[in-house]
């Protein structure tokens, strides 16, 4: 759902279809609700739910039953081959910020929809058990993003900053 009204129907459809492909590639099924918001709405949500001032790229709300045992996180090889052995059922709300996507995509010279897709994949990976708080986990998570995006024909999007942003907490 595009709360901003700034995405063309073709762009929304492209994003929807690529998210579906990414979910299949990851072996994920269930309910995924994505809301596209602007800086103001994202900053409010970031403060309310993460206690951090200012906007961010993505916030993830895993609504899955915490009592359910989660399958093992898929490996890079499983995702590359399209042969994920486990089924991952998710129930997730994801907020993605169109303004941040525009800020990141424009200098790199690609459409902001690709950046939004990266944010959604990042959120889904959090729900599958990936974390990006420690340097090793951060690298593994972004490598998986690249593999998923390459596997669905989009190609890598993430451009690793020289240093992790101050206060980077990934998706919440």
C-alpha atoms as a PDB file:
ATOM      1  CA  UNK A   1       0.000   0.000   0.000  1.00  0.00           C
ATOM      2  CA  UNK A   2       1.449   3.347  -1.055  1.00  0.00           C
ATOM      3  CA  UNK A   3       0.394   5.846   1.596  1.00  0.00           C
ATOM      4  CA  UNK A   4       2.256   8.612  -0.227  1.00  0.00           C
ATOM      5  CA  UNK A   5       0.414   8.287  -3.546  1.00  0.00           C
ATOM      6  CA  UNK A   6       3.765   8.889  -5.255  1.00  0.00           C
ATOM      7  CA  UNK A   7       4.259   5.513  -6.925  1.00  0.00           C
ATOM      8  CA  UNK A   8       2.851   4.836 -10.355  1.00  0.00           C
ATOM      9  CA  UNK A   9       0.716   1.719 -10.727  1.00  0.00           C
ATOM     10  CA  UNK A  10       3.369   0.114 -12.921  1.00  0.00           C
ATOM     11  CA  UNK A  11       6.001   0.653 -10.207  1.00  0.00           C
ATOM     12  CA  UNK A  12       3.714  -0.768  -7.498  1.00  0.00           C
ATOM     13  CA  UNK A  13       2.993  -3.813  -9.657  1.00  0.00           C
ATOM     14  CA  UNK A  14       6.699  -4.323 -10.356  1.00  0.00           C
ATOM     15  CA  UNK A  15       7.484  -4.136  -6.634  1.00  0.00           C
ATOM     16  CA  UNK A  16       4.635  -6.503  -5.748  1.00  0.00           C
ATOM     17  CA  UNK A  17       5.747  -9.087  -8.313  1.00  0.00           C
ATOM     18  CA  UNK A  18       9.423  -8.949  -7.280  1.00  0.00           C
ATOM     19  CA  UNK A  19       8.501  -9.282  -3.593  1.00  0.00           C
ATOM     20  CA  UNK A  20       6.498 -12.413  -4.451  1.00  0.00           C
ATOM     21  CA  UNK A  21       9.478 -13.827  -6.352  1.00  0.00           C
ATOM     22  CA  UNK A  22      11.808 -13.078  -3.447  1.00  0.00           C
ATOM     23  CA  UNK A  23       9.454 -14.774  -0.990  1.00  0.00           C
ATOM     24  CA  UNK A  24       9.340 -17.903  -3.155  1.00  0.00           C
ATOM     25  CA  UNK A  25      13.122 -17.884  -3.526  1.00  0.00           C
ATOM     26  CA  UNK A  26      13.480 -17.701   0.273  1.00  0.00           C
ATOM     27  CA  UNK A  27      10.900 -20.421   0.883  1.00  0.00           C
ATOM     28  CA  UNK A  28       8.721 -17.916   2.757  1.00  0.00           C
ATOM     29  CA  UNK A  29       4.947 -17.907   2.741  1.00  0.00           C
ATOM     30  CA  UNK A  30       2.249 -16.344   4.838  1.00  0.00           C
ATOM     31  CA  UNK A  31       1.133 -12.768   5.293  1.00  0.00           C
ATOM     32  CA  UNK A  32       3.341  -9.866   4.308  1.00  0.00           C
ATOM     33  CA  UNK A  33       1.914  -6.378   4.441  1.00  0.00           C
ATOM     34  CA  UNK A  34       4.086  -3.566   3.077  1.00  0.00           C
ATOM     35  CA  UNK A  35       3.259   0.089   3.616  1.00  0.00           C
ATOM     36  CA  UNK A  36       5.164   2.748   1.705  1.00  0.00           C
ATOM     37  CA  UNK A  37       5.454   5.951   3.715  1.00  0.00           C
ATOM     38  CA  UNK A  38       7.289   9.273   3.559  1.00  0.00           C
ATOM     39  CA  UNK A  39       9.898  10.687   5.917  1.00  0.00           C
ATOM     40  CA  UNK A  40       7.395  12.227   8.331  1.00  0.00           C
ATOM     41  CA  UNK A  41       5.411   9.033   8.909  1.00  0.00           C
ATOM     42  CA  UNK A  42       8.589   6.948   9.084  1.00  0.00           C
ATOM     43  CA  UNK A  43      10.186   9.300  11.623  1.00  0.00           C
ATOM     44  CA  UNK A  44       7.072   9.056  13.824  1.00  0.00           C
ATOM     45  CA  UNK A  45       7.095   5.258  13.632  1.00  0.00           C
ATOM     46  CA  UNK A  46      10.867   5.091  14.185  1.00  0.00           C
ATOM     47  CA  UNK A  47      10.543   7.167  17.360  1.00  0.00           C
ATOM     48  CA  UNK A  48       7.452   5.337  18.612  1.00  0.00           C
ATOM     49  CA  UNK A  49       8.587   1.766  17.990  1.00  0.00           C
ATOM     50  CA  UNK A  50      12.396   1.954  18.138  1.00  0.00           C
ATOM     51  CA  UNK A  51      12.907   4.993  20.345  1.00  0.00           C
ATOM     52  CA  UNK A  52      15.143   6.578  17.700  1.00  0.00           C
ATOM     53  CA  UNK A  53      14.656  10.107  16.398  1.00  0.00           C
ATOM     54  CA  UNK A  54      14.510  10.704  12.663  1.00  0.00           C
ATOM     55  CA  UNK A  55      13.592   8.696   9.633  1.00  0.00           C
ATOM     56  CA  UNK A  56      14.993   5.326   8.575  1.00  0.00           C
ATOM     57  CA  UNK A  57      14.754   3.052   5.558  1.00  0.00           C
ATOM     58  CA  UNK A  58      12.703   0.126   6.881  1.00  0.00           C
ATOM     59  CA  UNK A  59      10.904  -0.977  10.021  1.00  0.00           C
ATOM     60  CA  UNK A  60       9.840  -4.590  10.358  1.00  0.00           C
ATOM     61  CA  UNK A  61       7.133  -5.841  12.680  1.00  0.00           C
ATOM     62  CA  UNK A  62       7.182  -9.612  13.006  1.00  0.00           C
ATOM     63  CA  UNK A  63       3.686 -10.571  14.090  1.00  0.00           C
ATOM     64  CA  UNK A  64       4.422 -14.328  14.045  1.00  0.00           C
ATOM     65  CA  UNK A  65       3.699 -16.393  17.116  1.00  0.00           C
ATOM     66  CA  UNK A  66       6.945 -16.320  19.140  1.00  0.00           C
ATOM     67  CA  UNK A  67       6.122 -19.798  20.485  1.00  0.00           C
ATOM     68  CA  UNK A  68       6.401 -21.373  17.038  1.00  0.00           C
ATOM     69  CA  UNK A  69       9.715 -23.050  16.358  1.00  0.00           C
ATOM     70  CA  UNK A  70      11.377 -21.504  13.320  1.00  0.00           C
ATOM     71  CA  UNK A  71      13.132 -23.615  10.718  1.00  0.00           C
ATOM     72  CA  UNK A  72      16.849 -23.185  10.142  1.00  0.00           C
ATOM     73  CA  UNK A  73      17.772 -20.037   8.209  1.00  0.00           C
ATOM     74  CA  UNK A  74      18.212 -20.836   4.496  1.00  0.00           C
ATOM     75  CA  UNK A  75      21.764 -21.002   3.188  1.00  0.00           C
ATOM     76  CA  UNK A  76      23.136 -18.933   0.326  1.00  0.00           C
ATOM     77  CA  UNK A  77      23.448 -22.106  -1.755  1.00  0.00           C
ATOM     78  CA  UNK A  78      19.819 -23.083  -1.143  1.00  0.00           C
ATOM     79  CA  UNK A  79      18.606 -19.642  -2.198  1.00  0.00           C
ATOM     80  CA  UNK A  80      20.911 -19.535  -5.254  1.00  0.00           C
ATOM     81  CA  UNK A  81      19.673 -22.924  -6.424  1.00  0.00           C
ATOM     82  CA  UNK A  82      16.039 -22.195  -5.624  1.00  0.00           C
ATOM     83  CA  UNK A  83      15.963 -25.292  -3.460  1.00  0.00           C
ATOM     84  CA  UNK A  84      15.159 -24.060   0.052  1.00  0.00           C
ATOM     85  CA  UNK A  85      14.384 -27.164   2.107  1.00  0.00           C
ATOM     86  CA  UNK A  86      12.321 -25.561   4.858  1.00  0.00           C
ATOM     87  CA  UNK A  87       9.056 -23.669   4.717  1.00  0.00           C
ATOM     88  CA  UNK A  88       9.021 -20.373   6.566  1.00  0.00           C
ATOM     89  CA  UNK A  89       5.616 -19.032   7.501  1.00  0.00           C
ATOM     90  CA  UNK A  90       5.661 -15.339   8.297  1.00  0.00           C
ATOM     91  CA  UNK A  91       3.131 -12.804   9.475  1.00  0.00           C
ATOM     92  CA  UNK A  92       4.804  -9.456   8.987  1.00  0.00           C
ATOM     93  CA  UNK A  93       4.132  -5.750   8.628  1.00  0.00           C
ATOM     94  CA  UNK A  94       6.893  -3.744   6.959  1.00  0.00           C
ATOM     95  CA  UNK A  95       7.151   0.025   6.629  1.00  0.00           C
ATOM     96  CA  UNK A  96       9.465   1.288   3.883  1.00  0.00           C
ATOM     97  CA  UNK A  97      10.392   4.916   3.325  1.00  0.00           C
ATOM     98  CA  UNK A  98      10.043   6.207  -0.221  1.00  0.00           C
ATOM     99  CA  UNK A  99      12.021   9.357   0.581  1.00  0.00           C
ATOM    100  CA  UNK A 100      15.000   7.365   1.846  1.00  0.00           C
ATOM    101  CA  UNK A 101      14.772   5.108  -1.219  1.00  0.00           C
ATOM    102  CA  UNK A 102      14.907   8.166  -3.455  1.00  0.00           C
ATOM    103  CA  UNK A 103      17.916   9.526  -1.559  1.00  0.00           C
ATOM    104  CA  UNK A 104      19.795   6.243  -1.920  1.00  0.00           C
ATOM    105  CA  UNK A 105      18.809   5.274  -5.467  1.00  0.00           C
ATOM    106  CA  UNK A 106      19.222   8.616  -7.214  1.00  0.00           C
ATOM    107  CA  UNK A 107      23.015   8.971  -6.743  1.00  0.00           C
ATOM    108  CA  UNK A 108      23.477   5.317  -7.714  1.00  0.00           C
ATOM    109  CA  UNK A 109      21.488   5.828 -10.921  1.00  0.00           C
ATOM    110  CA  UNK A 110      18.807   3.176 -10.551  1.00  0.00           C
ATOM    111  CA  UNK A 111      15.043   3.347  -9.969  1.00  0.00           C
ATOM    112  CA  UNK A 112      13.915   3.867  -6.372  1.00  0.00           C
ATOM    113  CA  UNK A 113      11.645   0.823  -6.678  1.00  0.00           C
ATOM    114  CA  UNK A 114      14.775  -1.343  -6.577  1.00  0.00           C
ATOM    115  CA  UNK A 115      15.783   0.321  -3.307  1.00  0.00           C
ATOM    116  CA  UNK A 116      12.297  -0.256  -1.864  1.00  0.00           C
ATOM    117  CA  UNK A 117      12.576  -3.906  -2.891  1.00  0.00           C
ATOM    118  CA  UNK A 118      15.882  -4.134  -1.023  1.00  0.00           C
ATOM    119  CA  UNK A 119      14.160  -2.757   2.091  1.00  0.00           C
ATOM    120  CA  UNK A 120      11.346  -5.324   1.867  1.00  0.00           C
ATOM    121  CA  UNK A 121      13.776  -8.210   1.351  1.00  0.00           C
ATOM    122  CA  UNK A 122      15.789  -6.926   4.325  1.00  0.00           C
ATOM    123  CA  UNK A 123      12.647  -6.953   6.477  1.00  0.00           C
ATOM    124  CA  UNK A 124      11.693 -10.466   5.380  1.00  0.00           C
ATOM    125  CA  UNK A 125      15.203 -11.684   6.186  1.00  0.00           C
ATOM    126  CA  UNK A 126      14.833 -10.299   9.714  1.00  0.00           C
ATOM    127  CA  UNK A 127      11.661 -12.370  10.074  1.00  0.00           C
ATOM    128  CA  UNK A 128      13.509 -15.471   8.901  1.00  0.00           C
ATOM    129  CA  UNK A 129      16.060 -15.016  11.667  1.00  0.00           C
ATOM    130  CA  UNK A 130      18.770 -12.869  10.102  1.00  0.00           C
ATOM    131  CA  UNK A 131      20.301 -10.137  12.201  1.00  0.00           C
ATOM    132  CA  UNK A 132      22.632  -7.282  11.306  1.00  0.00           C
ATOM    133  CA  UNK A 133      23.840  -5.994  14.650  1.00  0.00           C
ATOM    134  CA  UNK A 134      27.266  -7.664  14.626  1.00  0.00           C
ATOM    135  CA  UNK A 135      29.691  -7.113  11.734  1.00  0.00           C
ATOM    136  CA  UNK A 136      29.704 -10.783  10.670  1.00  0.00           C
ATOM    137  CA  UNK A 137      25.903 -10.984  10.750  1.00  0.00           C
ATOM    138  CA  UNK A 138      25.658  -7.655   8.909  1.00  0.00           C
ATOM    139  CA  UNK A 139      27.849  -9.008   6.103  1.00  0.00           C
ATOM    140  CA  UNK A 140      25.927 -12.299   5.926  1.00  0.00           C
ATOM    141  CA  UNK A 141      22.559 -10.562   5.778  1.00  0.00           C
ATOM    142  CA  UNK A 142      23.593  -8.204   2.995  1.00  0.00           C
ATOM    143  CA  UNK A 143      25.190 -11.096   1.077  1.00  0.00           C
ATOM    144  CA  UNK A 144      21.844 -12.906   1.262  1.00  0.00           C
ATOM    145  CA  UNK A 145      20.063  -9.790  -0.008  1.00  0.00           C
ATOM    146  CA  UNK A 146      22.404  -9.754  -3.010  1.00  0.00           C
ATOM    147  CA  UNK A 147      21.826 -13.457  -3.688  1.00  0.00           C
ATOM    148  CA  UNK A 148      18.035 -13.104  -3.501  1.00  0.00           C
ATOM    149  CA  UNK A 149      17.959 -10.020  -5.724  1.00  0.00           C
ATOM    150  CA  UNK A 150      20.305 -11.627  -8.262  1.00  0.00           C
ATOM    151  CA  UNK A 151      18.229 -14.840  -8.244  1.00  0.00           C
ATOM    152  CA  UNK A 152      15.060 -12.933  -9.163  1.00  0.00           C
ATOM    153  CA  UNK A 153      16.796 -11.016 -11.940  1.00  0.00           C
ATOM    154  CA  UNK A 154      17.164  -7.634 -10.234  1.00  0.00           C
ATOM    155  CA  UNK A 155      20.816  -7.853  -9.242  1.00  0.00           C
ATOM    156  CA  UNK A 156      22.539  -6.501  -6.133  1.00  0.00           C
ATOM    157  CA  UNK A 157      21.256  -3.171  -4.826  1.00  0.00           C
ATOM    158  CA  UNK A 158      22.913  -2.675  -1.434  1.00  0.00           C
ATOM    159  CA  UNK A 159      25.902  -0.334  -1.460  1.00  0.00           C
ATOM    160  CA  UNK A 160      27.843  -0.920   1.689  1.00  0.00           C
ATOM    161  CA  UNK A 161      28.842   2.324   3.403  1.00  0.00           C
ATOM    162  CA  UNK A 162      32.499   2.720   4.364  1.00  0.00           C
ATOM    163  CA  UNK A 163      31.361   2.482   7.969  1.00  0.00           C
ATOM    164  CA  UNK A 164      28.067   1.335   9.378  1.00  0.00           C
ATOM    165  CA  UNK A 165      25.856   4.348  10.062  1.00  0.00           C
ATOM    166  CA  UNK A 166      25.923   5.620  13.639  1.00  0.00           C
ATOM    167  CA  UNK A 167      23.113   4.033  15.595  1.00  0.00           C
ATOM    168  CA  UNK A 168      22.335   1.555  12.795  1.00  0.00           C
ATOM    169  CA  UNK A 169      19.855  -0.835  14.228  1.00  0.00           C
ATOM    170  CA  UNK A 170      18.686  -2.442  11.008  1.00  0.00           C
ATOM    171  CA  UNK A 171      15.053  -3.210  10.736  1.00  0.00           C
ATOM    172  CA  UNK A 172      13.256  -3.234  14.036  1.00  0.00           C
END
